[in-house]
Amino acid sequence: MSDFLREVSDSSFENDVLKSGKPVLVDFWAEWCAPCRMLAPTVEAVAEHYGENASVVKLNVDDNPSTAQRYGIKGIPTLILFRDGKEVERVVGATSKESITRMIEKYVAVKA
């Protein structure tokens, strides 16, 4: 993990994601998932890009099954963007940095 990206768990999800004062992108992933590993550098770059304006976190679905079940995660990677404690966007499968950025841009203002 980098300075911009951190892990969340079933026990920390509510505080770290749902009660956050800024948008939070959650990467639902697992160690064994090849597309998840391919997407990891992209998620890392997005986390670095948004820095203070949005949070980007990872949740390992194998280690945290109750949160994955709560949000109906059927396939991974799944990226869900939360704002004000509610899911506002979802992407299932590997995607581009541009696609993730467009999703987040709707909910955050980034200073150039």
Protein backbone atom coordinates (compact mmCIF):
# COMPACT_ATOMS: atom_id res chain seq x y z
CA MET A 1 0.00 0.00 0.00
CA SER A 2 1.07 3.55 -0.60
CA ASP A 3 0.60 6.76 1.35
CA PHE A 4 -2.52 7.45 -0.71
CA LEU A 5 -4.16 4.02 -0.55
CA ARG A 6 -5.14 2.03 2.51
CA GLU A 7 -6.94 -1.15 3.46
CA VAL A 8 -10.32 -1.14 5.15
CA SER A 9 -12.06 -4.04 6.84
CA ASP A 10 -15.54 -5.12 7.90
CA SER A 11 -14.92 -3.46 11.26
CA SER A 12 -13.53 -0.16 9.89
CA PHE A 13 -15.80 0.19 6.84
CA GLU A 14 -18.47 2.33 8.48
CA ASN A 15 -16.02 4.88 9.91
CA ASP A 16 -13.57 4.91 6.99
CA VAL A 17 -16.11 4.87 4.16
CA LEU A 18 -19.69 5.58 5.17
CA LYS A 19 -18.90 8.36 7.65
CA SER A 20 -16.20 9.99 5.51
CA GLY A 21 -16.63 13.68 4.77
CA LYS A 22 -15.39 13.21 1.22
CA PRO A 23 -16.11 10.75 -1.60
CA VAL A 24 -14.54 7.31 -1.10
CA LEU A 25 -13.73 4.86 -3.88
CA VAL A 26 -13.65 1.28 -2.59
CA ASP A 27 -11.76 -1.36 -4.55
CA PHE A 28 -13.25 -4.78 -3.70
CA TRP A 29 -10.50 -7.29 -4.56
CA ALA A 30 -8.73 -10.55 -3.62
CA GLU A 31 -5.13 -11.80 -3.75
CA TRP A 32 -5.90 -14.60 -6.24
CA CYS A 33 -7.71 -12.30 -8.70
CA ALA A 34 -5.54 -11.57 -11.76
CA PRO A 35 -7.72 -8.66 -13.03
CA CYS A 36 -7.55 -7.17 -9.51
CA ARG A 37 -3.75 -7.28 -9.63
CA MET A 38 -3.79 -5.72 -13.10
CA LEU A 39 -6.06 -2.92 -11.88
CA ALA A 40 -4.00 -2.21 -8.72
CA PRO A 41 -1.52 0.27 -10.31
CA THR A 42 -4.45 2.18 -11.86
CA VAL A 43 -6.24 2.38 -8.51
CA GLU A 44 -2.99 3.52 -6.92
CA ALA A 45 -2.58 6.28 -9.54
CA VAL A 46 -6.16 7.46 -9.00
CA ALA A 47 -5.57 7.54 -5.23
CA GLU A 48 -2.46 9.66 -5.71
CA HIS A 49 -4.23 11.99 -8.16
CA TYR A 50 -7.13 12.76 -5.82
CA GLY A 51 -5.06 12.95 -2.65
CA GLU A 52 -6.97 15.19 -0.25
CA ASN A 53 -10.15 15.52 -2.34
CA ALA A 54 -11.27 11.89 -2.24
CA SER A 55 -10.21 8.72 -0.48
CA VAL A 56 -9.36 5.48 -2.23
CA VAL A 57 -9.39 2.29 -0.17
CA LYS A 58 -9.13 -1.44 -0.80
CA LEU A 59 -11.26 -4.14 0.79
CA ASN A 60 -10.14 -7.77 0.49
CA VAL A 61 -13.35 -9.75 -0.07
CA ASP A 62 -11.84 -12.98 1.26
CA ASP A 63 -10.88 -11.36 4.57
CA ASN A 64 -14.03 -9.21 4.85
CA PRO A 65 -16.98 -11.25 3.55
CA SER A 66 -19.77 -9.42 5.39
CA THR A 67 -19.12 -6.05 3.70
CA ALA A 68 -18.75 -7.75 0.30
CA GLN A 69 -22.04 -9.57 0.88
CA ARG A 70 -23.77 -6.40 2.11
CA TYR A 71 -23.00 -4.66 -1.20
CA GLY A 72 -23.77 -7.70 -3.36
CA ILE A 73 -20.26 -8.15 -4.71
CA LYS A 74 -20.58 -10.99 -7.23
CA GLY A 75 -17.48 -10.39 -9.34
CA ILE A 76 -14.17 -8.74 -8.67
CA PRO A 77 -12.64 -6.32 -9.12
CA THR A 78 -15.62 -4.13 -8.26
CA LEU A 79 -15.15 -0.42 -7.65
CA ILE A 80 -17.87 1.39 -5.72
CA LEU A 81 -17.86 5.13 -5.14
CA PHE A 82 -19.54 6.26 -1.93
CA ARG A 83 -20.60 9.80 -1.09
CA ASP A 84 -22.34 10.85 2.11
CA GLY A 85 -22.58 7.19 3.15
CA LYS A 86 -24.37 6.06 0.01
CA GLU A 87 -23.29 4.17 -3.09
CA VAL A 88 -23.36 6.57 -6.05
CA GLU A 89 -21.41 4.71 -8.76
CA ARG A 90 -20.28 1.13 -9.42
CA VAL A 91 -17.98 -0.49 -11.98
CA VAL A 92 -17.47 -4.26 -12.18
CA GLY A 93 -14.35 -5.61 -13.86
CA ALA A 94 -11.05 -4.08 -14.86
CA THR A 95 -11.45 -0.59 -16.26
CA SER A 96 -9.33 2.34 -17.38
CA LYS A 97 -7.95 5.18 -15.30
CA GLU A 98 -9.96 7.57 -17.47
CA SER A 99 -13.19 5.73 -16.68
CA ILE A 100 -12.49 5.79 -12.94
CA THR A 101 -11.52 9.47 -13.11
CA ARG A 102 -14.75 10.39 -14.93
CA MET A 103 -16.74 8.57 -12.27
CA ILE A 104 -15.04 10.45 -9.41
CA GLU A 105 -15.06 13.85 -11.17
CA LYS A 106 -18.85 14.01 -10.88
CA TYR A 107 -18.56 14.10 -7.09
CA VAL A 108 -15.36 15.99 -6.33
CA ALA A 109 -13.69 19.24 -7.32
CA VAL A 110 -9.97 18.86 -7.92
CA LYS A 111 -7.69 21.86 -7.78
CA ALA A 112 -5.40 21.94 -10.80
